[in-house]
Amino acid sequence: MQNFDLWHQQSLQQIELRITELLDLPSDCTTLIESIRYSCLDGGKRIRPLFTIAAGHLSNADLETTLTIGSAIEMIHCFSLIHDDLPIMDNDDLRRGKPTNHKVYGDAVALLAGDALNTLCFEVLSSELLNLPANSKLTIVNLLARAIGLQGMVGGQAIDWLSTGKALTIDKLQKMHSLKTGALLRASILAGYLAGTNFNSQQYTQIDIIAQKIGL
């Protein structure tokens, strides 16, 4: 890998372009598309797709493939932020220095924008846009589904919500963060590695340990 700062800058540009391309969608509801793009483009550190691309280097993954996977994962992250900001959750007015989605487009459109991003991730990962064998696609889709659902982001968010105002043990606190935030970060790393042709089970296990610690 070349100089890290240069790699970082170039990767961010490539990620932004890929997300923009993936969100160039036909729709009968321009307001919904505008809402989706509002929360996805021109903002964020893009940590998850950066991890996906970096992990792909370890298994000789194709850059175009890891760009697509990482950008799809970033859609999930953006969906979670839109929903987190809603009045029924954290009720935030600002995100990344600008009004939150629901403040601009209303609660209902914001909710639907998050739903659309959730499903669009899996539409991309299961389509011909992702140049991988079917079994590899299925493995990555399953990994992400688990990272988002009851055993991941949604489960962690539920623990967080139900624990508001309560004291948590260190184990419970770590569990919450490992699910709420850590699971998707872990999946970002593992998905990148799984996209490569030089898969090594021992290395994968070691990377998973690192990924879980980074997530936490």
C-alpha atoms as a PDB file:
ATOM      1  CA  MET A   1       0.000   0.000   0.000  1.00  0.00           C
ATOM      2  CA  GLN A   2       1.301   3.465  -0.864  1.00  0.00           C
ATOM      3  CA  ASN A   3       1.712   6.393   1.533  1.00  0.00           C
ATOM      4  CA  PHE A   4      -1.199   6.225   3.954  1.00  0.00           C
ATOM      5  CA  ASP A   5      -2.289   9.865   3.653  1.00  0.00           C
ATOM      6  CA  LEU A   6      -2.369   9.592  -0.136  1.00  0.00           C
ATOM      7  CA  TRP A   7      -4.233   6.267   0.018  1.00  0.00           C
ATOM      8  CA  HIS A   8      -6.720   7.779   2.480  1.00  0.00           C
ATOM      9  CA  GLN A   9      -7.397  10.807   0.299  1.00  0.00           C
ATOM     10  CA  GLN A  10      -7.749   8.800  -2.899  1.00  0.00           C
ATOM     11  CA  SER A  11      -9.977   6.205  -1.223  1.00  0.00           C
ATOM     12  CA  LEU A  12     -12.312   8.860   0.156  1.00  0.00           C
ATOM     13  CA  GLN A  13     -12.724  10.320  -3.321  1.00  0.00           C
ATOM     14  CA  GLN A  14     -13.422   6.883  -4.780  1.00  0.00           C
ATOM     15  CA  ILE A  15     -15.932   6.050  -2.051  1.00  0.00           C
ATOM     16  CA  GLU A  16     -17.798   9.329  -2.521  1.00  0.00           C
ATOM     17  CA  LEU A  17     -17.996   8.734  -6.264  1.00  0.00           C
ATOM     18  CA  ARG A  18     -19.224   5.157  -5.845  1.00  0.00           C
ATOM     19  CA  ILE A  19     -21.937   6.130  -3.354  1.00  0.00           C
ATOM     20  CA  THR A  20     -23.039   8.921  -5.701  1.00  0.00           C
ATOM     21  CA  GLU A  21     -23.243   6.418  -8.569  1.00  0.00           C
ATOM     22  CA  LEU A  22     -25.216   3.914  -6.515  1.00  0.00           C
ATOM     23  CA  LEU A  23     -27.700   6.609  -5.496  1.00  0.00           C
ATOM     24  CA  ASP A  24     -28.333   7.698  -9.078  1.00  0.00           C
ATOM     25  CA  LEU A  25     -31.665   5.935  -9.012  1.00  0.00           C
ATOM     26  CA  PRO A  26     -34.896   6.287 -10.975  1.00  0.00           C
ATOM     27  CA  SER A  27     -37.865   7.008  -8.743  1.00  0.00           C
ATOM     28  CA  ASP A  28     -41.389   8.359  -8.969  1.00  0.00           C
ATOM     29  CA  CYS A  29     -40.779  10.146  -5.660  1.00  0.00           C
ATOM     30  CA  THR A  30     -38.043  12.735  -6.094  1.00  0.00           C
ATOM     31  CA  THR A  31     -38.475  13.915  -2.500  1.00  0.00           C
ATOM     32  CA  LEU A  32     -37.509  10.486  -1.179  1.00  0.00           C
ATOM     33  CA  ILE A  33     -34.412  10.355  -3.400  1.00  0.00           C
ATOM     34  CA  GLU A  34     -33.434  13.871  -2.305  1.00  0.00           C
ATOM     35  CA  SER A  35     -33.817  12.818   1.335  1.00  0.00           C
ATOM     36  CA  ILE A  36     -31.620   9.738   0.818  1.00  0.00           C
ATOM     37  CA  ARG A  37     -28.902  11.725  -0.934  1.00  0.00           C
ATOM     38  CA  TYR A  38     -29.087  14.484   1.676  1.00  0.00           C
ATOM     39  CA  SER A  39     -27.978  12.092   4.407  1.00  0.00           C
ATOM     40  CA  CYS A  40     -25.541  10.005   2.377  1.00  0.00           C
ATOM     41  CA  LEU A  41     -23.474  12.407   0.301  1.00  0.00           C
ATOM     42  CA  ASP A  42     -20.825  14.986   1.151  1.00  0.00           C
ATOM     43  CA  GLY A  43     -20.397  14.076   4.776  1.00  0.00           C
ATOM     44  CA  GLY A  44     -18.982  11.529   7.179  1.00  0.00           C
ATOM     45  CA  LYS A  45     -15.561  10.017   7.717  1.00  0.00           C
ATOM     46  CA  ARG A  46     -16.379   6.879   5.657  1.00  0.00           C
ATOM     47  CA  ILE A  47     -14.593   4.717   8.221  1.00  0.00           C
ATOM     48  CA  ARG A  48     -16.510   1.567   7.315  1.00  0.00           C
ATOM     49  CA  PRO A  49     -15.783   1.519   3.577  1.00  0.00           C
ATOM     50  CA  LEU A  50     -12.176   2.490   4.297  1.00  0.00           C
ATOM     51  CA  PHE A  51     -11.893  -0.600   6.511  1.00  0.00           C
ATOM     52  CA  THR A  52     -13.508  -2.708   3.786  1.00  0.00           C
ATOM     53  CA  ILE A  53     -11.004  -1.569   1.179  1.00  0.00           C
ATOM     54  CA  ALA A  54      -8.036  -1.975   3.543  1.00  0.00           C
ATOM     55  CA  ALA A  55      -9.053  -5.501   4.582  1.00  0.00           C
ATOM     56  CA  GLY A  56      -9.474  -6.407   0.935  1.00  0.00           C
ATOM     57  CA  HIS A  57      -5.793  -5.680   0.356  1.00  0.00           C
ATOM     58  CA  LEU A  58      -4.965  -8.567   2.699  1.00  0.00           C
ATOM     59  CA  SER A  59      -6.827 -11.115   0.564  1.00  0.00           C
ATOM     60  CA  ASN A  60      -6.065  -9.685  -2.873  1.00  0.00           C
ATOM     61  CA  ALA A  61      -9.603  -8.388  -3.358  1.00  0.00           C
ATOM     62  CA  ASP A  62     -10.445  -6.311  -6.408  1.00  0.00           C
ATOM     63  CA  LEU A  63     -10.673  -2.596  -5.544  1.00  0.00           C
ATOM     64  CA  GLU A  64     -13.896  -2.075  -7.510  1.00  0.00           C
ATOM     65  CA  THR A  65     -15.471  -4.910  -5.557  1.00  0.00           C
ATOM     66  CA  THR A  66     -14.467  -3.617  -2.120  1.00  0.00           C
ATOM     67  CA  LEU A  67     -15.541  -0.105  -3.118  1.00  0.00           C
ATOM     68  CA  THR A  68     -19.016  -1.414  -3.909  1.00  0.00           C
ATOM     69  CA  ILE A  69     -19.243  -3.481  -0.714  1.00  0.00           C
ATOM     70  CA  GLY A  70     -17.971  -0.637   1.452  1.00  0.00           C
ATOM     71  CA  SER A  71     -20.322   1.873  -0.144  1.00  0.00           C
ATOM     72  CA  ALA A  72     -23.287  -0.453   0.404  1.00  0.00           C
ATOM     73  CA  ILE A  73     -22.283  -0.805   4.060  1.00  0.00           C
ATOM     74  CA  GLU A  74     -22.069   2.974   4.343  1.00  0.00           C
ATOM     75  CA  MET A  75     -25.720   3.096   3.259  1.00  0.00           C
ATOM     76  CA  ILE A  76     -26.565   0.975   6.308  1.00  0.00           C
ATOM     77  CA  HIS A  77     -24.616   3.348   8.524  1.00  0.00           C
ATOM     78  CA  CYS A  78     -26.458   6.355   7.055  1.00  0.00           C
ATOM     79  CA  PHE A  79     -29.801   4.592   7.499  1.00  0.00           C
ATOM     80  CA  SER A  80     -29.000   4.037  11.188  1.00  0.00           C
ATOM     81  CA  LEU A  81     -28.114   7.715  11.666  1.00  0.00           C
ATOM     82  CA  ILE A  82     -31.359   8.898  10.072  1.00  0.00           C
ATOM     83  CA  HIS A  83     -33.380   6.658  12.369  1.00  0.00           C
ATOM     84  CA  ASP A  84     -31.284   7.473  15.453  1.00  0.00           C
ATOM     85  CA  ASP A  85     -31.970  11.184  14.936  1.00  0.00           C
ATOM     86  CA  LEU A  86     -35.754  10.812  14.780  1.00  0.00           C
ATOM     87  CA  PRO A  87     -37.867  12.335  17.577  1.00  0.00           C
ATOM     88  CA  ILE A  88     -38.900   8.866  18.805  1.00  0.00           C
ATOM     89  CA  MET A  89     -35.213   8.001  19.344  1.00  0.00           C
ATOM     90  CA  ASP A  90     -32.504  10.598  20.081  1.00  0.00           C
ATOM     91  CA  ASN A  91     -34.449  13.594  18.735  1.00  0.00           C
ATOM     92  CA  ASP A  92     -31.388  15.365  17.318  1.00  0.00           C
ATOM     93  CA  ASP A  93     -31.547  18.609  15.367  1.00  0.00           C
ATOM     94  CA  LEU A  94     -28.091  18.493  13.772  1.00  0.00           C
ATOM     95  CA  ARG A  95     -26.010  15.819  12.051  1.00  0.00           C
ATOM     96  CA  ARG A  96     -22.608  16.521  10.462  1.00  0.00           C
ATOM     97  CA  GLY A  97     -23.109  20.240  10.926  1.00  0.00           C
ATOM     98  CA  LYS A  98     -26.461  20.501   9.141  1.00  0.00           C
ATOM     99  CA  PRO A  99     -30.116  19.912  10.064  1.00  0.00           C
ATOM    100  CA  THR A 100     -31.030  16.273  10.506  1.00  0.00           C
ATOM    101  CA  ASN A 101     -33.038  14.536   7.808  1.00  0.00           C
ATOM    102  CA  HIS A 102     -36.386  14.731   9.557  1.00  0.00           C
ATOM    103  CA  LYS A 103     -35.917  18.448  10.203  1.00  0.00           C
ATOM    104  CA  VAL A 104     -35.692  19.002   6.451  1.00  0.00           C
ATOM    105  CA  TYR A 105     -38.032  16.352   5.018  1.00  0.00           C
ATOM    106  CA  GLY A 106     -40.283  15.439   7.946  1.00  0.00           C
ATOM    107  CA  ASP A 107     -40.466  12.349  10.137  1.00  0.00           C
ATOM    108  CA  ALA A 108     -42.269  10.096   7.656  1.00  0.00           C
ATOM    109  CA  VAL A 109     -39.939  10.742   4.716  1.00  0.00           C
ATOM    110  CA  ALA A 110     -36.890  10.355   6.976  1.00  0.00           C
ATOM    111  CA  LEU A 111     -38.197   7.024   8.225  1.00  0.00           C
ATOM    112  CA  LEU A 112     -38.795   5.824   4.666  1.00  0.00           C
ATOM    113  CA  ALA A 113     -35.382   7.073   3.517  1.00  0.00           C
ATOM    114  CA  GLY A 114     -33.750   4.923   6.181  1.00  0.00           C
ATOM    115  CA  ASP A 115     -35.855   1.932   5.166  1.00  0.00           C
ATOM    116  CA  ALA A 116     -34.912   2.431   1.520  1.00  0.00           C
ATOM    117  CA  LEU A 117     -31.190   2.607   2.316  1.00  0.00           C
ATOM    118  CA  ASN A 118     -31.427  -0.584   4.349  1.00  0.00           C
ATOM    119  CA  THR A 119     -32.924  -2.534   1.463  1.00  0.00           C
ATOM    120  CA  LEU A 120     -30.752  -0.832  -1.184  1.00  0.00           C
ATOM    121  CA  CYS A 121     -27.624  -2.191   0.510  1.00  0.00           C
ATOM    122  CA  PHE A 122     -28.783  -5.760  -0.028  1.00  0.00           C
ATOM    123  CA  GLU A 123     -30.062  -5.004  -3.520  1.00  0.00           C
ATOM    124  CA  VAL A 124     -26.550  -3.844  -4.463  1.00  0.00           C
ATOM    125  CA  LEU A 125     -24.741  -6.719  -2.762  1.00  0.00           C
ATOM    126  CA  SER A 126     -26.927  -9.365  -4.415  1.00  0.00           C
ATOM    127  CA  SER A 127     -26.818  -7.823  -7.903  1.00  0.00           C
ATOM    128  CA  GLU A 128     -24.473  -7.981 -10.866  1.00  0.00           C
ATOM    129  CA  LEU A 129     -22.924  -4.733  -9.615  1.00  0.00           C
ATOM    130  CA  LEU A 130     -20.914  -6.909  -7.244  1.00  0.00           C
ATOM    131  CA  ASN A 131     -18.513  -9.019  -9.285  1.00  0.00           C
ATOM    132  CA  LEU A 132     -18.239 -12.036  -6.993  1.00  0.00           C
ATOM    133  CA  PRO A 133     -19.362 -15.683  -7.113  1.00  0.00           C
ATOM    134  CA  ALA A 134     -22.870 -16.276  -5.782  1.00  0.00           C
ATOM    135  CA  ASN A 135     -21.648 -18.140  -2.680  1.00  0.00           C
ATOM    136  CA  SER A 136     -19.334 -15.232  -1.762  1.00  0.00           C
ATOM    137  CA  LYS A 137     -22.191 -12.753  -2.162  1.00  0.00           C
ATOM    138  CA  LEU A 138     -24.396 -14.910   0.059  1.00  0.00           C
ATOM    139  CA  THR A 139     -21.726 -15.118   2.764  1.00  0.00           C
ATOM    140  CA  ILE A 140     -21.287 -11.351   2.785  1.00  0.00           C
ATOM    141  CA  VAL A 141     -25.042 -10.692   2.754  1.00  0.00           C
ATOM    142  CA  ASN A 142     -25.535 -13.068   5.687  1.00  0.00           C
ATOM    143  CA  LEU A 143     -22.665 -11.437   7.591  1.00  0.00           C
ATOM    144  CA  LEU A 144     -24.198  -7.994   7.177  1.00  0.00           C
ATOM    145  CA  ALA A 145     -27.739  -9.120   7.964  1.00  0.00           C
ATOM    146  CA  ARG A 146     -26.522 -10.499  11.295  1.00  0.00           C
ATOM    147  CA  ALA A 147     -24.525  -7.341  11.978  1.00  0.00           C
ATOM    148  CA  ILE A 148     -27.616  -5.192  11.517  1.00  0.00           C
ATOM    149  CA  GLY A 149     -30.305  -7.249  13.235  1.00  0.00           C
ATOM    150  CA  LEU A 150     -31.050  -8.721  16.641  1.00  0.00           C
ATOM    151  CA  GLN A 151     -27.483  -9.930  17.131  1.00  0.00           C
ATOM    152  CA  GLY A 152     -26.059  -6.598  15.970  1.00  0.00           C
ATOM    153  CA  MET A 153     -26.965  -2.958  15.550  1.00  0.00           C
ATOM    154  CA  VAL A 154     -30.700  -3.186  16.260  1.00  0.00           C
ATOM    155  CA  GLY A 155     -30.161  -5.380  19.312  1.00  0.00           C
ATOM    156  CA  GLY A 156     -27.543  -2.996  20.678  1.00  0.00           C
ATOM    157  CA  GLN A 157     -29.766   0.014  20.077  1.00  0.00           C
ATOM    158  CA  ALA A 158     -32.587  -1.724  21.962  1.00  0.00           C
ATOM    159  CA  ILE A 159     -30.296  -2.326  24.947  1.00  0.00           C
ATOM    160  CA  ASP A 160     -29.221   1.323  24.830  1.00  0.00           C
ATOM    161  CA  TRP A 161     -32.799   2.596  24.670  1.00  0.00           C
ATOM    162  CA  LEU A 162     -34.094   0.348  27.427  1.00  0.00           C
ATOM    163  CA  SER A 163     -31.106   1.194  29.648  1.00  0.00           C
ATOM    164  CA  THR A 164     -31.601   4.958  29.589  1.00  0.00           C
ATOM    165  CA  GLY A 165     -31.158   6.341  33.087  1.00  0.00           C
ATOM    166  CA  LYS A 166     -30.013   2.982  34.454  1.00  0.00           C
ATOM    167  CA  ALA A 167     -26.603   1.879  35.687  1.00  0.00           C
ATOM    168  CA  LEU A 168     -25.015  -0.828  33.548  1.00  0.00           C
ATOM    169  CA  THR A 169     -22.347  -3.336  34.473  1.00  0.00           C
ATOM    170  CA  ILE A 170     -19.138  -3.108  32.444  1.00  0.00           C
ATOM    171  CA  ASP A 171     -20.032  -6.387  30.728  1.00  0.00           C
ATOM    172  CA  LYS A 172     -23.478  -5.095  29.738  1.00  0.00           C
ATOM    173  CA  LEU A 173     -21.992  -1.818  28.542  1.00  0.00           C
ATOM    174  CA  GLN A 174     -19.411  -3.588  26.417  1.00  0.00           C
ATOM    175  CA  LYS A 175     -22.095  -5.890  25.017  1.00  0.00           C
ATOM    176  CA  MET A 176     -24.238  -2.901  24.056  1.00  0.00           C
ATOM    177  CA  HIS A 177     -21.407  -1.152  22.211  1.00  0.00           C
ATOM    178  CA  SER A 178     -20.197  -4.364  20.560  1.00  0.00           C
ATOM    179  CA  LEU A 179     -23.667  -4.772  19.068  1.00  0.00           C
ATOM    180  CA  LYS A 180     -24.816  -1.199  18.495  1.00  0.00           C
ATOM    181  CA  THR A 181     -21.661   0.124  16.830  1.00  0.00           C
ATOM    182  CA  GLY A 182     -19.111  -2.666  16.838  1.00  0.00           C
ATOM    183  CA  ALA A 183     -21.005  -5.270  14.828  1.00  0.00           C
ATOM    184  CA  LEU A 184     -21.198  -3.181  11.642  1.00  0.00           C
ATOM    185  CA  LEU A 185     -17.562  -2.092  11.940  1.00  0.00           C
ATOM    186  CA  ARG A 186     -16.565  -5.740  12.342  1.00  0.00           C
ATOM    187  CA  ALA A 187     -18.658  -6.714   9.322  1.00  0.00           C
ATOM    188  CA  SER A 188     -17.047  -3.948   7.261  1.00  0.00           C
ATOM    189  CA  ILE A 189     -13.617  -5.453   7.851  1.00  0.00           C
ATOM    190  CA  LEU A 190     -14.609  -9.094   7.393  1.00  0.00           C
ATOM    191  CA  ALA A 191     -16.627  -8.381   4.238  1.00  0.00           C
ATOM    192  CA  GLY A 192     -13.596  -6.784   2.637  1.00  0.00           C
ATOM    193  CA  TYR A 193     -11.451  -9.785   3.432  1.00  0.00           C
ATOM    194  CA  LEU A 194     -14.120 -12.214   2.207  1.00  0.00           C
ATOM    195  CA  ALA A 195     -14.147 -10.458  -1.166  1.00  0.00           C
ATOM    196  CA  GLY A 196     -10.589 -11.552  -1.950  1.00  0.00           C
ATOM    197  CA  THR A 197      -9.218 -14.587  -3.763  1.00  0.00           C
ATOM    198  CA  ASN A 198      -6.462 -15.366  -1.225  1.00  0.00           C
ATOM    199  CA  PHE A 199      -8.662 -16.475   1.672  1.00  0.00           C
ATOM    200  CA  ASN A 200      -6.844 -18.020   4.637  1.00  0.00           C
ATOM    201  CA  SER A 201      -8.991 -19.335   7.496  1.00  0.00           C
ATOM    202  CA  GLN A 202      -6.325 -18.748  10.158  1.00  0.00           C
ATOM    203  CA  GLN A 203      -5.768 -15.188   8.996  1.00  0.00           C
ATOM    204  CA  TYR A 204      -9.539 -14.638   8.863  1.00  0.00           C
ATOM    205  CA  THR A 205      -9.854 -15.740  12.509  1.00  0.00           C
ATOM    206  CA  GLN A 206      -7.074 -13.383  13.538  1.00  0.00           C
ATOM    207  CA  ILE A 207      -8.607 -10.506  11.595  1.00  0.00           C
ATOM    208  CA  ASP A 208     -11.959 -11.198  13.235  1.00  0.00           C
ATOM    209  CA  ILE A 209     -10.395 -10.820  16.691  1.00  0.00           C
ATOM    210  CA  ILE A 210      -8.895  -7.478  15.659  1.00  0.00           C
ATOM    211  CA  ALA A 211     -12.175  -6.409  14.024  1.00  0.00           C
ATOM    212  CA  GLN A 212     -14.169  -7.104  17.186  1.00  0.00           C
ATOM    213  CA  LYS A 213     -11.747  -5.051  19.265  1.00  0.00           C
ATOM    214  CA  ILE A 214     -11.817  -2.172  16.775  1.00  0.00           C
ATOM    215  CA  GLY A 215     -15.612  -2.297  16.822  1.00  0.00           C
ATOM    216  CA  LEU A 216     -15.757  -2.135  20.592  1.00  0.00           C
END
